[in-house]
Protein backbone atom coordinates (compact mmCIF):
# COMPACT_ATOMS: atom_id res chain seq x y z
CA UNK A 1 0.00 0.00 0.00
CA UNK A 2 1.50 3.34 -1.08
CA UNK A 3 0.44 6.66 0.37
CA UNK A 4 1.56 9.83 -1.38
CA UNK A 5 1.26 13.46 -0.38
CA UNK A 6 2.44 16.37 -2.50
CA UNK A 7 4.28 19.14 -0.73
CA UNK A 8 4.75 22.37 -2.60
CA UNK A 9 7.94 24.25 -1.88
CA UNK A 10 7.18 27.03 -4.32
CA UNK A 11 4.21 28.99 -5.56
CA UNK A 12 3.64 26.61 -8.48
CA UNK A 13 3.04 23.00 -7.51
CA UNK A 14 5.01 20.36 -9.36
CA UNK A 15 2.71 18.38 -11.62
CA UNK A 16 4.67 15.13 -11.55
CA UNK A 17 6.25 15.66 -14.96
CA UNK A 18 9.62 17.00 -15.89
CA UNK A 19 9.80 20.69 -16.62
CA UNK A 20 11.50 21.21 -19.96
CA UNK A 21 11.16 23.94 -22.55
CA UNK A 22 12.04 23.17 -26.14
CA UNK A 23 12.21 26.14 -28.46
CA UNK A 24 12.53 24.12 -31.66
CA UNK A 25 10.78 20.74 -31.95
CA UNK A 26 13.60 19.57 -34.24
CA UNK A 27 16.01 20.09 -31.35
CA UNK A 28 13.99 17.93 -28.96
CA UNK A 29 16.40 15.23 -27.80
CA UNK A 30 13.64 13.31 -26.06
CA UNK A 31 12.57 11.63 -29.28
CA UNK A 32 9.16 10.12 -29.87
CA UNK A 33 8.67 9.14 -26.23
CA UNK A 34 8.79 12.75 -25.03
CA UNK A 35 10.97 11.77 -22.09
CA UNK A 36 14.62 12.39 -21.41
CA UNK A 37 16.55 11.61 -18.24
CA UNK A 38 18.36 14.59 -16.77
CA UNK A 39 17.76 18.28 -17.18
CA UNK A 40 20.93 19.13 -19.08
CA UNK A 41 23.39 16.30 -19.42
CA UNK A 42 23.98 14.40 -16.19
CA UNK A 43 22.20 16.87 -13.89
CA UNK A 44 19.24 15.29 -12.09
CA UNK A 45 15.83 16.93 -12.10
CA UNK A 46 13.80 14.35 -10.16
CA UNK A 47 15.37 12.68 -7.16
CA UNK A 48 13.93 9.80 -5.15
CA UNK A 49 15.40 9.61 -1.66
CA UNK A 50 15.04 6.84 0.91
CA UNK A 51 14.16 8.07 4.38
CA UNK A 52 13.96 5.92 7.51
CA UNK A 53 14.83 8.35 10.29
CA UNK A 54 18.49 7.32 10.62
CA UNK A 55 21.31 9.87 10.62
CA UNK A 56 22.52 8.80 7.18
CA UNK A 57 19.02 8.97 5.70
CA UNK A 58 18.67 12.55 7.04
CA UNK A 59 21.99 13.43 5.35
CA UNK A 60 20.71 11.84 2.15
CA UNK A 61 17.50 13.88 2.37
CA UNK A 62 19.38 17.15 2.91
CA UNK A 63 21.73 16.28 0.04
CA UNK A 64 18.74 15.58 -2.22
CA UNK A 65 17.09 18.90 -1.36
CA UNK A 66 20.32 20.81 -1.94
CA UNK A 67 20.88 19.10 -5.29
CA UNK A 68 17.25 19.59 -6.34
CA UNK A 69 17.44 23.29 -5.42
CA UNK A 70 20.58 23.81 -7.49
CA UNK A 71 19.18 21.87 -10.44
CA UNK A 72 15.64 23.31 -10.23
CA UNK A 73 14.31 19.81 -9.65
CA UNK A 74 11.96 17.99 -7.31
CA UNK A 75 12.32 15.44 -4.52
CA UNK A 76 10.24 12.36 -3.78
CA UNK A 77 10.97 11.14 -0.24
CA UNK A 78 10.11 7.48 0.30
CA UNK A 79 9.55 5.98 3.75
CA UNK A 80 8.96 2.24 3.71
CA UNK A 81 9.16 -0.35 6.42
CA UNK A 82 8.53 -4.03 6.90
CA UNK A 83 6.41 -4.58 10.00
CA UNK A 84 7.63 -7.22 12.39
CA UNK A 85 4.88 -9.75 12.96
CA UNK A 86 4.35 -11.71 16.14
CA UNK A 87 3.71 -15.44 16.40
CA UNK A 88 -0.01 -14.90 15.79
CA UNK A 89 0.56 -12.78 12.66
CA UNK A 90 -0.33 -9.41 14.16
CA UNK A 91 1.77 -6.33 13.54
CA UNK A 92 -0.32 -3.54 15.08
CA UNK A 93 2.45 -2.21 17.35
CA UNK A 94 4.91 -1.90 14.47
CA UNK A 95 2.25 -0.32 12.26
CA UNK A 96 1.46 2.40 14.79
CA UNK A 97 5.16 3.12 15.31
CA UNK A 98 5.62 3.25 11.53
CA UNK A 99 2.59 5.50 11.07
CA UNK A 100 3.81 7.89 13.79
CA UNK A 101 7.30 8.03 12.26
CA UNK A 102 5.76 8.58 8.82
CA UNK A 103 3.81 11.59 10.14
CA UNK A 104 6.99 13.08 11.63
CA UNK A 105 8.95 12.47 8.42
CA UNK A 106 6.15 13.95 6.29
CA UNK A 107 6.25 17.15 8.36
CA UNK A 108 10.06 17.32 8.11
CA UNK A 109 9.94 16.87 4.32
CA UNK A 110 7.34 19.64 4.05
CA UNK A 111 9.51 21.97 6.17
CA UNK A 112 12.62 21.26 4.07
CA UNK A 113 10.62 21.80 0.87
CA UNK A 114 9.57 25.24 2.07
CA UNK A 115 13.07 26.09 3.32
CA UNK A 116 14.78 25.10 0.06
CA UNK A 117 11.90 26.22 -2.18
CA UNK A 118 11.84 22.80 -3.83
CA UNK A 119 8.76 20.86 -4.83
CA UNK A 120 8.54 17.62 -2.90
CA UNK A 121 6.34 14.61 -2.38
CA UNK A 122 6.28 12.16 0.52
CA UNK A 123 5.46 8.50 -0.12
CA UNK A 124 4.84 6.01 2.68
CA UNK A 125 4.66 2.26 2.16
CA UNK A 126 4.35 -0.78 4.39
CA UNK A 127 6.63 -3.14 2.47
CA UNK A 128 10.24 -3.76 1.51
CA UNK A 129 12.11 -0.42 1.38
CA UNK A 130 14.34 -1.36 -1.57
CA UNK A 131 11.39 -2.52 -3.65
CA UNK A 132 9.49 0.66 -2.76
CA UNK A 133 12.39 2.92 -3.78
CA UNK A 134 12.87 1.16 -7.11
CA UNK A 135 9.15 1.12 -7.95
CA UNK A 136 8.65 4.79 -7.08
CA UNK A 137 11.74 5.72 -9.13
CA UNK A 138 10.49 3.71 -12.11
CA UNK A 139 6.92 5.07 -11.90
CA UNK A 140 8.11 8.67 -11.77
CA UNK A 141 11.04 8.16 -14.14
CA UNK A 142 13.49 9.45 -11.57
CA UNK A 143 16.90 10.64 -12.62
CA UNK A 144 18.56 9.24 -9.49
CA UNK A 145 17.90 7.47 -6.21
CA UNK A 146 19.67 8.82 -3.13
CA UNK A 147 20.14 6.66 -0.03
CA UNK A 148 22.18 6.88 3.14
CA UNK A 149 25.03 4.44 3.79
CA UNK A 150 24.42 1.86 6.48
CA UNK A 151 26.48 1.88 9.65
CA UNK A 152 25.36 -1.55 10.87
CA UNK A 153 28.02 -4.23 11.16
CA UNK A 154 25.62 -6.91 9.94
CA UNK A 155 25.14 -5.01 6.68
CA UNK A 156 28.87 -5.28 5.97
CA UNK A 157 28.48 -9.05 6.18
CA UNK A 158 25.06 -9.57 4.57
CA UNK A 159 24.57 -6.48 2.40
CA UNK A 160 22.78 -3.21 3.03
CA UNK A 161 19.72 -1.60 1.53
CA UNK A 162 22.05 0.72 -0.41
CA UNK A 163 23.85 -2.22 -2.03
CA UNK A 164 20.55 -3.96 -2.81
CA UNK A 165 19.25 -0.74 -4.36
CA UNK A 166 22.38 -0.35 -6.50
CA UNK A 167 22.09 -3.92 -7.76
CA UNK A 168 18.39 -3.69 -8.65
CA UNK A 169 17.98 -0.10 -9.87
CA UNK A 170 17.86 0.96 -13.49
CA UNK A 171 18.80 4.56 -12.66
CA UNK A 172 21.90 5.92 -10.92
CA UNK A 173 22.08 5.48 -7.14
CA UNK A 174 23.92 7.98 -4.94
CA UNK A 175 25.00 6.69 -1.53
CA UNK A 176 25.57 9.46 1.03
CA UNK A 177 27.96 8.57 3.89
C-alpha atoms as a PDB file:
ATOM      1  CA  UNK A   1       0.000   0.000   0.000  1.00  0.00           C
ATOM      2  CA  UNK A   2       1.505   3.341  -1.080  1.00  0.00           C
ATOM      3  CA  UNK A   3       0.441   6.661   0.365  1.00  0.00           C
ATOM      4  CA  UNK A   4       1.561   9.832  -1.375  1.00  0.00           C
ATOM      5  CA  UNK A   5       1.263  13.457  -0.383  1.00  0.00           C
ATOM      6  CA  UNK A   6       2.441  16.369  -2.496  1.00  0.00           C
ATOM      7  CA  UNK A   7       4.279  19.141  -0.733  1.00  0.00           C
ATOM      8  CA  UNK A   8       4.754  22.366  -2.595  1.00  0.00           C
ATOM      9  CA  UNK A   9       7.938  24.251  -1.881  1.00  0.00           C
ATOM     10  CA  UNK A  10       7.179  27.027  -4.317  1.00  0.00           C
ATOM     11  CA  UNK A  11       4.205  28.994  -5.560  1.00  0.00           C
ATOM     12  CA  UNK A  12       3.641  26.615  -8.482  1.00  0.00           C
ATOM     13  CA  UNK A  13       3.039  22.998  -7.508  1.00  0.00           C
ATOM     14  CA  UNK A  14       5.014  20.357  -9.361  1.00  0.00           C
ATOM     15  CA  UNK A  15       2.714  18.381 -11.622  1.00  0.00           C
ATOM     16  CA  UNK A  16       4.672  15.128 -11.548  1.00  0.00           C
ATOM     17  CA  UNK A  17       6.254  15.664 -14.957  1.00  0.00           C
ATOM     18  CA  UNK A  18       9.622  17.000 -15.886  1.00  0.00           C
ATOM     19  CA  UNK A  19       9.804  20.687 -16.622  1.00  0.00           C
ATOM     20  CA  UNK A  20      11.500  21.214 -19.957  1.00  0.00           C
ATOM     21  CA  UNK A  21      11.162  23.936 -22.546  1.00  0.00           C
ATOM     22  CA  UNK A  22      12.036  23.166 -26.139  1.00  0.00           C
ATOM     23  CA  UNK A  23      12.208  26.142 -28.462  1.00  0.00           C
ATOM     24  CA  UNK A  24      12.527  24.118 -31.663  1.00  0.00           C
ATOM     25  CA  UNK A  25      10.778  20.737 -31.947  1.00  0.00           C
ATOM     26  CA  UNK A  26      13.599  19.572 -34.242  1.00  0.00           C
ATOM     27  CA  UNK A  27      16.011  20.086 -31.352  1.00  0.00           C
ATOM     28  CA  UNK A  28      13.989  17.931 -28.956  1.00  0.00           C
ATOM     29  CA  UNK A  29      16.403  15.234 -27.800  1.00  0.00           C
ATOM     30  CA  UNK A  30      13.636  13.313 -26.060  1.00  0.00           C
ATOM     31  CA  UNK A  31      12.573  11.635 -29.278  1.00  0.00           C
ATOM     32  CA  UNK A  32       9.159  10.118 -29.871  1.00  0.00           C
ATOM     33  CA  UNK A  33       8.669   9.144 -26.235  1.00  0.00           C
ATOM     34  CA  UNK A  34       8.789  12.752 -25.029  1.00  0.00           C
ATOM     35  CA  UNK A  35      10.968  11.765 -22.091  1.00  0.00           C
ATOM     36  CA  UNK A  36      14.623  12.388 -21.414  1.00  0.00           C
ATOM     37  CA  UNK A  37      16.551  11.605 -18.236  1.00  0.00           C
ATOM     38  CA  UNK A  38      18.356  14.587 -16.773  1.00  0.00           C
ATOM     39  CA  UNK A  39      17.760  18.285 -17.181  1.00  0.00           C
ATOM     40  CA  UNK A  40      20.932  19.129 -19.084  1.00  0.00           C
ATOM     41  CA  UNK A  41      23.391  16.299 -19.416  1.00  0.00           C
ATOM     42  CA  UNK A  42      23.983  14.401 -16.192  1.00  0.00           C
ATOM     43  CA  UNK A  43      22.203  16.870 -13.888  1.00  0.00           C
ATOM     44  CA  UNK A  44      19.237  15.287 -12.092  1.00  0.00           C
ATOM     45  CA  UNK A  45      15.834  16.933 -12.099  1.00  0.00           C
ATOM     46  CA  UNK A  46      13.804  14.350 -10.164  1.00  0.00           C
ATOM     47  CA  UNK A  47      15.373  12.675  -7.159  1.00  0.00           C
ATOM     48  CA  UNK A  48      13.925   9.800  -5.152  1.00  0.00           C
ATOM     49  CA  UNK A  49      15.395   9.608  -1.655  1.00  0.00           C
ATOM     50  CA  UNK A  50      15.042   6.837   0.908  1.00  0.00           C
ATOM     51  CA  UNK A  51      14.155   8.068   4.377  1.00  0.00           C
ATOM     52  CA  UNK A  52      13.964   5.922   7.509  1.00  0.00           C
ATOM     53  CA  UNK A  53      14.831   8.354  10.290  1.00  0.00           C
ATOM     54  CA  UNK A  54      18.493   7.316  10.617  1.00  0.00           C
ATOM     55  CA  UNK A  55      21.313   9.872  10.621  1.00  0.00           C
ATOM     56  CA  UNK A  56      22.519   8.800   7.182  1.00  0.00           C
ATOM     57  CA  UNK A  57      19.018   8.973   5.697  1.00  0.00           C
ATOM     58  CA  UNK A  58      18.672  12.554   7.044  1.00  0.00           C
ATOM     59  CA  UNK A  59      21.992  13.429   5.352  1.00  0.00           C
ATOM     60  CA  UNK A  60      20.715  11.842   2.145  1.00  0.00           C
ATOM     61  CA  UNK A  61      17.499  13.881   2.373  1.00  0.00           C
ATOM     62  CA  UNK A  62      19.383  17.147   2.911  1.00  0.00           C
ATOM     63  CA  UNK A  63      21.732  16.278   0.043  1.00  0.00           C
ATOM     64  CA  UNK A  64      18.741  15.577  -2.217  1.00  0.00           C
ATOM     65  CA  UNK A  65      17.093  18.900  -1.361  1.00  0.00           C
ATOM     66  CA  UNK A  66      20.320  20.812  -1.942  1.00  0.00           C
ATOM     67  CA  UNK A  67      20.880  19.104  -5.289  1.00  0.00           C
ATOM     68  CA  UNK A  68      17.252  19.592  -6.340  1.00  0.00           C
ATOM     69  CA  UNK A  69      17.437  23.286  -5.421  1.00  0.00           C
ATOM     70  CA  UNK A  70      20.583  23.808  -7.488  1.00  0.00           C
ATOM     71  CA  UNK A  71      19.176  21.866 -10.441  1.00  0.00           C
ATOM     72  CA  UNK A  72      15.639  23.313 -10.228  1.00  0.00           C
ATOM     73  CA  UNK A  73      14.306  19.814  -9.652  1.00  0.00           C
ATOM     74  CA  UNK A  74      11.963  17.987  -7.312  1.00  0.00           C
ATOM     75  CA  UNK A  75      12.320  15.441  -4.516  1.00  0.00           C
ATOM     76  CA  UNK A  76      10.239  12.357  -3.780  1.00  0.00           C
ATOM     77  CA  UNK A  77      10.974  11.143  -0.237  1.00  0.00           C
ATOM     78  CA  UNK A  78      10.108   7.480   0.304  1.00  0.00           C
ATOM     79  CA  UNK A  79       9.549   5.983   3.754  1.00  0.00           C
ATOM     80  CA  UNK A  80       8.963   2.242   3.706  1.00  0.00           C
ATOM     81  CA  UNK A  81       9.159  -0.351   6.423  1.00  0.00           C
ATOM     82  CA  UNK A  82       8.532  -4.031   6.898  1.00  0.00           C
ATOM     83  CA  UNK A  83       6.412  -4.581  10.004  1.00  0.00           C
ATOM     84  CA  UNK A  84       7.634  -7.221  12.387  1.00  0.00           C
ATOM     85  CA  UNK A  85       4.876  -9.748  12.961  1.00  0.00           C
ATOM     86  CA  UNK A  86       4.351 -11.711  16.143  1.00  0.00           C
ATOM     87  CA  UNK A  87       3.711 -15.439  16.402  1.00  0.00           C
ATOM     88  CA  UNK A  88      -0.007 -14.900  15.791  1.00  0.00           C
ATOM     89  CA  UNK A  89       0.563 -12.778  12.663  1.00  0.00           C
ATOM     90  CA  UNK A  90      -0.333  -9.414  14.163  1.00  0.00           C
ATOM     91  CA  UNK A  91       1.775  -6.328  13.539  1.00  0.00           C
ATOM     92  CA  UNK A  92      -0.324  -3.543  15.084  1.00  0.00           C
ATOM     93  CA  UNK A  93       2.448  -2.210  17.349  1.00  0.00           C
ATOM     94  CA  UNK A  94       4.907  -1.904  14.469  1.00  0.00           C
ATOM     95  CA  UNK A  95       2.247  -0.322  12.260  1.00  0.00           C
ATOM     96  CA  UNK A  96       1.459   2.400  14.795  1.00  0.00           C
ATOM     97  CA  UNK A  97       5.160   3.124  15.314  1.00  0.00           C
ATOM     98  CA  UNK A  98       5.620   3.245  11.534  1.00  0.00           C
ATOM     99  CA  UNK A  99       2.586   5.501  11.075  1.00  0.00           C
ATOM    100  CA  UNK A 100       3.808   7.890  13.794  1.00  0.00           C
ATOM    101  CA  UNK A 101       7.295   8.033  12.265  1.00  0.00           C
ATOM    102  CA  UNK A 102       5.763   8.581   8.818  1.00  0.00           C
ATOM    103  CA  UNK A 103       3.809  11.585  10.139  1.00  0.00           C
ATOM    104  CA  UNK A 104       6.993  13.084  11.625  1.00  0.00           C
ATOM    105  CA  UNK A 105       8.954  12.472   8.425  1.00  0.00           C
ATOM    106  CA  UNK A 106       6.148  13.946   6.286  1.00  0.00           C
ATOM    107  CA  UNK A 107       6.255  17.147   8.356  1.00  0.00           C
ATOM    108  CA  UNK A 108      10.059  17.319   8.114  1.00  0.00           C
ATOM    109  CA  UNK A 109       9.944  16.871   4.317  1.00  0.00           C
ATOM    110  CA  UNK A 110       7.343  19.644   4.052  1.00  0.00           C
ATOM    111  CA  UNK A 111       9.512  21.971   6.167  1.00  0.00           C
ATOM    112  CA  UNK A 112      12.617  21.264   4.068  1.00  0.00           C
ATOM    113  CA  UNK A 113      10.620  21.796   0.870  1.00  0.00           C
ATOM    114  CA  UNK A 114       9.575  25.239   2.067  1.00  0.00           C
ATOM    115  CA  UNK A 115      13.066  26.085   3.321  1.00  0.00           C
ATOM    116  CA  UNK A 116      14.783  25.103   0.063  1.00  0.00           C
ATOM    117  CA  UNK A 117      11.897  26.220  -2.178  1.00  0.00           C
ATOM    118  CA  UNK A 118      11.841  22.804  -3.826  1.00  0.00           C
ATOM    119  CA  UNK A 119       8.759  20.861  -4.833  1.00  0.00           C
ATOM    120  CA  UNK A 120       8.542  17.618  -2.896  1.00  0.00           C
ATOM    121  CA  UNK A 121       6.338  14.608  -2.385  1.00  0.00           C
ATOM    122  CA  UNK A 122       6.280  12.163   0.523  1.00  0.00           C
ATOM    123  CA  UNK A 123       5.465   8.499  -0.121  1.00  0.00           C
ATOM    124  CA  UNK A 124       4.842   6.014   2.680  1.00  0.00           C
ATOM    125  CA  UNK A 125       4.660   2.256   2.161  1.00  0.00           C
ATOM    126  CA  UNK A 126       4.354  -0.778   4.394  1.00  0.00           C
ATOM    127  CA  UNK A 127       6.626  -3.136   2.468  1.00  0.00           C
ATOM    128  CA  UNK A 128      10.241  -3.763   1.507  1.00  0.00           C
ATOM    129  CA  UNK A 129      12.114  -0.415   1.380  1.00  0.00           C
ATOM    130  CA  UNK A 130      14.339  -1.363  -1.569  1.00  0.00           C
ATOM    131  CA  UNK A 131      11.388  -2.520  -3.654  1.00  0.00           C
ATOM    132  CA  UNK A 132       9.492   0.660  -2.764  1.00  0.00           C
ATOM    133  CA  UNK A 133      12.394   2.921  -3.784  1.00  0.00           C
ATOM    134  CA  UNK A 134      12.875   1.160  -7.109  1.00  0.00           C
ATOM    135  CA  UNK A 135       9.151   1.121  -7.947  1.00  0.00           C
ATOM    136  CA  UNK A 136       8.654   4.793  -7.076  1.00  0.00           C
ATOM    137  CA  UNK A 137      11.741   5.723  -9.126  1.00  0.00           C
ATOM    138  CA  UNK A 138      10.490   3.711 -12.113  1.00  0.00           C
ATOM    139  CA  UNK A 139       6.915   5.069 -11.904  1.00  0.00           C
ATOM    140  CA  UNK A 140       8.108   8.668 -11.771  1.00  0.00           C
ATOM    141  CA  UNK A 141      11.044   8.161 -14.143  1.00  0.00           C
ATOM    142  CA  UNK A 142      13.489   9.452 -11.574  1.00  0.00           C
ATOM    143  CA  UNK A 143      16.900  10.635 -12.624  1.00  0.00           C
ATOM    144  CA  UNK A 144      18.561   9.239  -9.490  1.00  0.00           C
ATOM    145  CA  UNK A 145      17.905   7.473  -6.208  1.00  0.00           C
ATOM    146  CA  UNK A 146      19.667   8.822  -3.131  1.00  0.00           C
ATOM    147  CA  UNK A 147      20.140   6.665  -0.025  1.00  0.00           C
ATOM    148  CA  UNK A 148      22.180   6.881   3.144  1.00  0.00           C
ATOM    149  CA  UNK A 149      25.026   4.443   3.789  1.00  0.00           C
ATOM    150  CA  UNK A 150      24.423   1.862   6.475  1.00  0.00           C
ATOM    151  CA  UNK A 151      26.483   1.877   9.648  1.00  0.00           C
ATOM    152  CA  UNK A 152      25.357  -1.555  10.871  1.00  0.00           C
ATOM    153  CA  UNK A 153      28.020  -4.230  11.158  1.00  0.00           C
ATOM    154  CA  UNK A 154      25.618  -6.912   9.943  1.00  0.00           C
ATOM    155  CA  UNK A 155      25.142  -5.014   6.683  1.00  0.00           C
ATOM    156  CA  UNK A 156      28.865  -5.285   5.973  1.00  0.00           C
ATOM    157  CA  UNK A 157      28.476  -9.051   6.176  1.00  0.00           C
ATOM    158  CA  UNK A 158      25.063  -9.573   4.572  1.00  0.00           C
ATOM    159  CA  UNK A 159      24.566  -6.483   2.404  1.00  0.00           C
ATOM    160  CA  UNK A 160      22.784  -3.206   3.033  1.00  0.00           C
ATOM    161  CA  UNK A 161      19.723  -1.595   1.530  1.00  0.00           C
ATOM    162  CA  UNK A 162      22.049   0.718  -0.410  1.00  0.00           C
ATOM    163  CA  UNK A 163      23.851  -2.225  -2.026  1.00  0.00           C
ATOM    164  CA  UNK A 164      20.553  -3.964  -2.808  1.00  0.00           C
ATOM    165  CA  UNK A 165      19.253  -0.737  -4.359  1.00  0.00           C
ATOM    166  CA  UNK A 166      22.377  -0.349  -6.495  1.00  0.00           C
ATOM    167  CA  UNK A 167      22.091  -3.919  -7.760  1.00  0.00           C
ATOM    168  CA  UNK A 168      18.391  -3.686  -8.653  1.00  0.00           C
ATOM    169  CA  UNK A 169      17.981  -0.102  -9.869  1.00  0.00           C
ATOM    170  CA  UNK A 170      17.862   0.956 -13.490  1.00  0.00           C
ATOM    171  CA  UNK A 171      18.803   4.556 -12.661  1.00  0.00           C
ATOM    172  CA  UNK A 172      21.904   5.925 -10.917  1.00  0.00           C
ATOM    173  CA  UNK A 173      22.085   5.477  -7.141  1.00  0.00           C
ATOM    174  CA  UNK A 174      23.922   7.982  -4.943  1.00  0.00           C
ATOM    175  CA  UNK A 175      25.004   6.693  -1.532  1.00  0.00           C
ATOM    176  CA  UNK A 176      25.568   9.459   1.031  1.00  0.00           C
ATOM    177  CA  UNK A 177      27.958   8.571   3.892  1.00  0.00           C
END
